[in-house]
Amino acid sequence: MPRKASLNNEVPDTEENDVSKNDHKNEDEVEKLTYMLGAVMNYLSDDELEELDVEYLLDETEGLRDWWGRYRESNKKQIEEEIKKSLGELSLKELEEIREKIKEKQN
């Protein structure tokens, strides 16, 4: 008489590997962000600093410019929504000025 197949409740290796890779990727990302935050805070807390130079900070902090670009791009939709909501509060003159700027950009 044939035996019943045993139930296998184990997670296949590929799923475990994917979870492990994602965890490792997240840890790497947290480590990079921690480094960048530390560099920014060190810069900002410098008592001898008379003027903030964001370009210097972006240039001298490894990965910060790329992260900032990705962050800004991910918030593009939110900015678009904020603009749409505020259009009703603008005067006709302000709306016409915006339209002109858009036309100039398109040309």
C-alpha atoms as a PDB file:
ATOM      1  CA  MET A   1       0.000   0.000   0.000  1.00  0.00           C
ATOM      2  CA  PRO A   2       1.475   3.409  -0.962  1.00  0.00           C
ATOM      3  CA  ARG A   3       2.440   5.744   1.822  1.00  0.00           C
ATOM      4  CA  LYS A   4       0.967   9.224   2.150  1.00  0.00           C
ATOM      5  CA  ALA A   5       3.301  11.997   1.239  1.00  0.00           C
ATOM      6  CA  SER A   6       4.543  13.711   4.352  1.00  0.00           C
ATOM      7  CA  LEU A   7       3.450  17.276   4.884  1.00  0.00           C
ATOM      8  CA  ASN A   8       6.254  19.701   4.369  1.00  0.00           C
ATOM      9  CA  ASN A   9       5.820  22.919   6.332  1.00  0.00           C
ATOM     10  CA  GLU A  10       9.346  24.097   5.693  1.00  0.00           C
ATOM     11  CA  VAL A  11       9.981  27.278   3.745  1.00  0.00           C
ATOM     12  CA  PRO A  12      11.795  26.527   0.494  1.00  0.00           C
ATOM     13  CA  ASP A  13      15.413  27.612   0.414  1.00  0.00           C
ATOM     14  CA  THR A  14      14.702  30.246  -2.231  1.00  0.00           C
ATOM     15  CA  GLU A  15      12.212  32.067   0.008  1.00  0.00           C
ATOM     16  CA  GLU A  16      14.600  31.933   2.955  1.00  0.00           C
ATOM     17  CA  ASN A  17      17.377  33.216   0.751  1.00  0.00           C
ATOM     18  CA  ASP A  18      15.173  36.052  -0.527  1.00  0.00           C
ATOM     19  CA  VAL A  19      14.231  37.057   3.031  1.00  0.00           C
ATOM     20  CA  SER A  20      17.844  36.827   4.111  1.00  0.00           C
ATOM     21  CA  LYS A  21      18.983  38.915   1.137  1.00  0.00           C
ATOM     22  CA  ASN A  22      16.299  41.530   1.848  1.00  0.00           C
ATOM     23  CA  ASP A  23      17.317  41.683   5.513  1.00  0.00           C
ATOM     24  CA  HIS A  24      20.964  42.084   4.528  1.00  0.00           C
ATOM     25  CA  LYS A  25      20.045  44.746   1.959  1.00  0.00           C
ATOM     26  CA  ASN A  26      18.015  46.632   4.576  1.00  0.00           C
ATOM     27  CA  GLU A  27      20.886  46.416   7.052  1.00  0.00           C
ATOM     28  CA  ASP A  28      23.269  47.794   4.423  1.00  0.00           C
ATOM     29  CA  GLU A  29      20.862  50.633   3.643  1.00  0.00           C
ATOM     30  CA  VAL A  30      20.465  51.472   7.338  1.00  0.00           C
ATOM     31  CA  GLU A  31      24.244  51.450   7.732  1.00  0.00           C
ATOM     32  CA  LYS A  32      24.690  53.824   4.778  1.00  0.00           C
ATOM     33  CA  LEU A  33      21.957  56.152   6.021  1.00  0.00           C
ATOM     34  CA  THR A  34      23.450  56.130   9.519  1.00  0.00           C
ATOM     35  CA  TYR A  35      26.834  57.072   8.065  1.00  0.00           C
ATOM     36  CA  MET A  36      25.325  59.918   6.024  1.00  0.00           C
ATOM     37  CA  LEU A  37      23.296  61.218   8.970  1.00  0.00           C
ATOM     38  CA  GLY A  38      26.389  61.151  11.151  1.00  0.00           C
ATOM     39  CA  ALA A  39      28.384  63.072   8.551  1.00  0.00           C
ATOM     40  CA  VAL A  40      25.639  65.676   8.225  1.00  0.00           C
ATOM     41  CA  MET A  41      25.311  66.070  11.994  1.00  0.00           C
ATOM     42  CA  ASN A  42      29.094  66.404  12.387  1.00  0.00           C
ATOM     43  CA  TYR A  43      29.082  69.122   9.752  1.00  0.00           C
ATOM     44  CA  LEU A  44      26.126  70.962  11.311  1.00  0.00           C
ATOM     45  CA  SER A  45      27.534  70.786  14.825  1.00  0.00           C
ATOM     46  CA  ASP A  46      30.907  72.273  13.843  1.00  0.00           C
ATOM     47  CA  ASP A  47      31.260  75.360  16.050  1.00  0.00           C
ATOM     48  CA  GLU A  48      33.692  76.950  13.612  1.00  0.00           C
ATOM     49  CA  LEU A  49      31.193  76.765  10.759  1.00  0.00           C
ATOM     50  CA  GLU A  50      29.971  80.238   9.866  1.00  0.00           C
ATOM     51  CA  GLU A  51      27.844  79.403   6.860  1.00  0.00           C
ATOM     52  CA  LEU A  52      26.100  76.199   5.753  1.00  0.00           C
ATOM     53  CA  ASP A  53      27.275  74.944   2.385  1.00  0.00           C
ATOM     54  CA  VAL A  54      24.862  72.291   1.183  1.00  0.00           C
ATOM     55  CA  GLU A  55      26.822  71.665  -2.019  1.00  0.00           C
ATOM     56  CA  TYR A  56      29.935  70.954   0.045  1.00  0.00           C
ATOM     57  CA  LEU A  57      27.955  68.551   2.188  1.00  0.00           C
ATOM     58  CA  LEU A  58      26.527  66.771  -0.870  1.00  0.00           C
ATOM     59  CA  ASP A  59      29.957  66.567  -2.511  1.00  0.00           C
ATOM     60  CA  GLU A  60      31.897  65.450   0.544  1.00  0.00           C
ATOM     61  CA  THR A  61      29.460  62.897   2.006  1.00  0.00           C
ATOM     62  CA  GLU A  62      29.683  59.647   0.081  1.00  0.00           C
ATOM     63  CA  GLY A  63      26.304  58.616  -1.313  1.00  0.00           C
ATOM     64  CA  LEU A  64      24.420  61.652  -0.028  1.00  0.00           C
ATOM     65  CA  ARG A  65      23.899  63.324  -3.414  1.00  0.00           C
ATOM     66  CA  ASP A  66      22.533  60.094  -4.936  1.00  0.00           C
ATOM     67  CA  TRP A  67      20.264  59.530  -1.948  1.00  0.00           C
ATOM     68  CA  TRP A  68      19.036  63.130  -2.094  1.00  0.00           C
ATOM     69  CA  GLY A  69      18.222  62.770  -5.796  1.00  0.00           C
ATOM     70  CA  ARG A  70      16.270  59.548  -5.212  1.00  0.00           C
ATOM     71  CA  TYR A  71      14.464  61.111  -2.251  1.00  0.00           C
ATOM     72  CA  ARG A  72      13.456  64.183  -4.251  1.00  0.00           C
ATOM     73  CA  GLU A  73      12.261  62.059  -7.160  1.00  0.00           C
ATOM     74  CA  SER A  74      10.165  59.867  -4.853  1.00  0.00           C
ATOM     75  CA  ASN A  75       8.467  62.979  -3.469  1.00  0.00           C
ATOM     76  CA  LYS A  76       7.676  64.390  -6.905  1.00  0.00           C
ATOM     77  CA  LYS A  77       4.089  63.098  -6.822  1.00  0.00           C
ATOM     78  CA  GLN A  78       3.500  64.644  -3.410  1.00  0.00           C
ATOM     79  CA  ILE A  79       4.787  67.997  -4.654  1.00  0.00           C
ATOM     80  CA  GLU A  80       2.521  67.768  -7.703  1.00  0.00           C
ATOM     81  CA  GLU A  81      -0.494  67.123  -5.468  1.00  0.00           C
ATOM     82  CA  GLU A  82       0.385  70.046  -3.194  1.00  0.00           C
ATOM     83  CA  ILE A  83       0.618  72.321  -6.232  1.00  0.00           C
ATOM     84  CA  LYS A  84      -2.715  71.109  -7.619  1.00  0.00           C
ATOM     85  CA  LYS A  85      -4.425  71.773  -4.290  1.00  0.00           C
ATOM     86  CA  SER A  86      -2.992  75.276  -4.044  1.00  0.00           C
ATOM     87  CA  LEU A  87      -3.924  76.355  -7.590  1.00  0.00           C
ATOM     88  CA  GLY A  88      -7.436  77.364  -6.537  1.00  0.00           C
ATOM     89  CA  GLU A  89      -5.991  79.875  -4.083  1.00  0.00           C
ATOM     90  CA  LEU A  90      -3.899  81.683  -6.704  1.00  0.00           C
ATOM     91  CA  SER A  91      -4.974  84.802  -8.538  1.00  0.00           C
ATOM     92  CA  LEU A  92      -5.573  84.814 -12.267  1.00  0.00           C
ATOM     93  CA  LYS A  93      -2.353  86.774 -12.758  1.00  0.00           C
ATOM     94  CA  GLU A  94      -0.335  84.173 -10.795  1.00  0.00           C
ATOM     95  CA  LEU A  95      -1.899  81.343 -12.789  1.00  0.00           C
ATOM     96  CA  GLU A  96      -1.078  83.089 -16.064  1.00  0.00           C
ATOM     97  CA  GLU A  97       2.535  83.564 -14.933  1.00  0.00           C
ATOM     98  CA  ILE A  98       2.776  79.860 -14.148  1.00  0.00           C
ATOM     99  CA  ARG A  99       1.319  78.991 -17.539  1.00  0.00           C
ATOM    100  CA  GLU A 100       3.905  81.202 -19.241  1.00  0.00           C
ATOM    101  CA  LYS A 101       6.726  79.494 -17.348  1.00  0.00           C
ATOM    102  CA  ILE A 102       5.389  76.103 -18.404  1.00  0.00           C
ATOM    103  CA  LYS A 103       5.179  77.207 -22.038  1.00  0.00           C
ATOM    104  CA  GLU A 104       8.758  78.510 -21.907  1.00  0.00           C
ATOM    105  CA  LYS A 105       9.907  75.196 -20.446  1.00  0.00           C
ATOM    106  CA  GLN A 106       8.171  73.240 -23.211  1.00  0.00           C
ATOM    107  CA  ASN A 107       9.847  75.273 -25.960  1.00  0.00           C
END
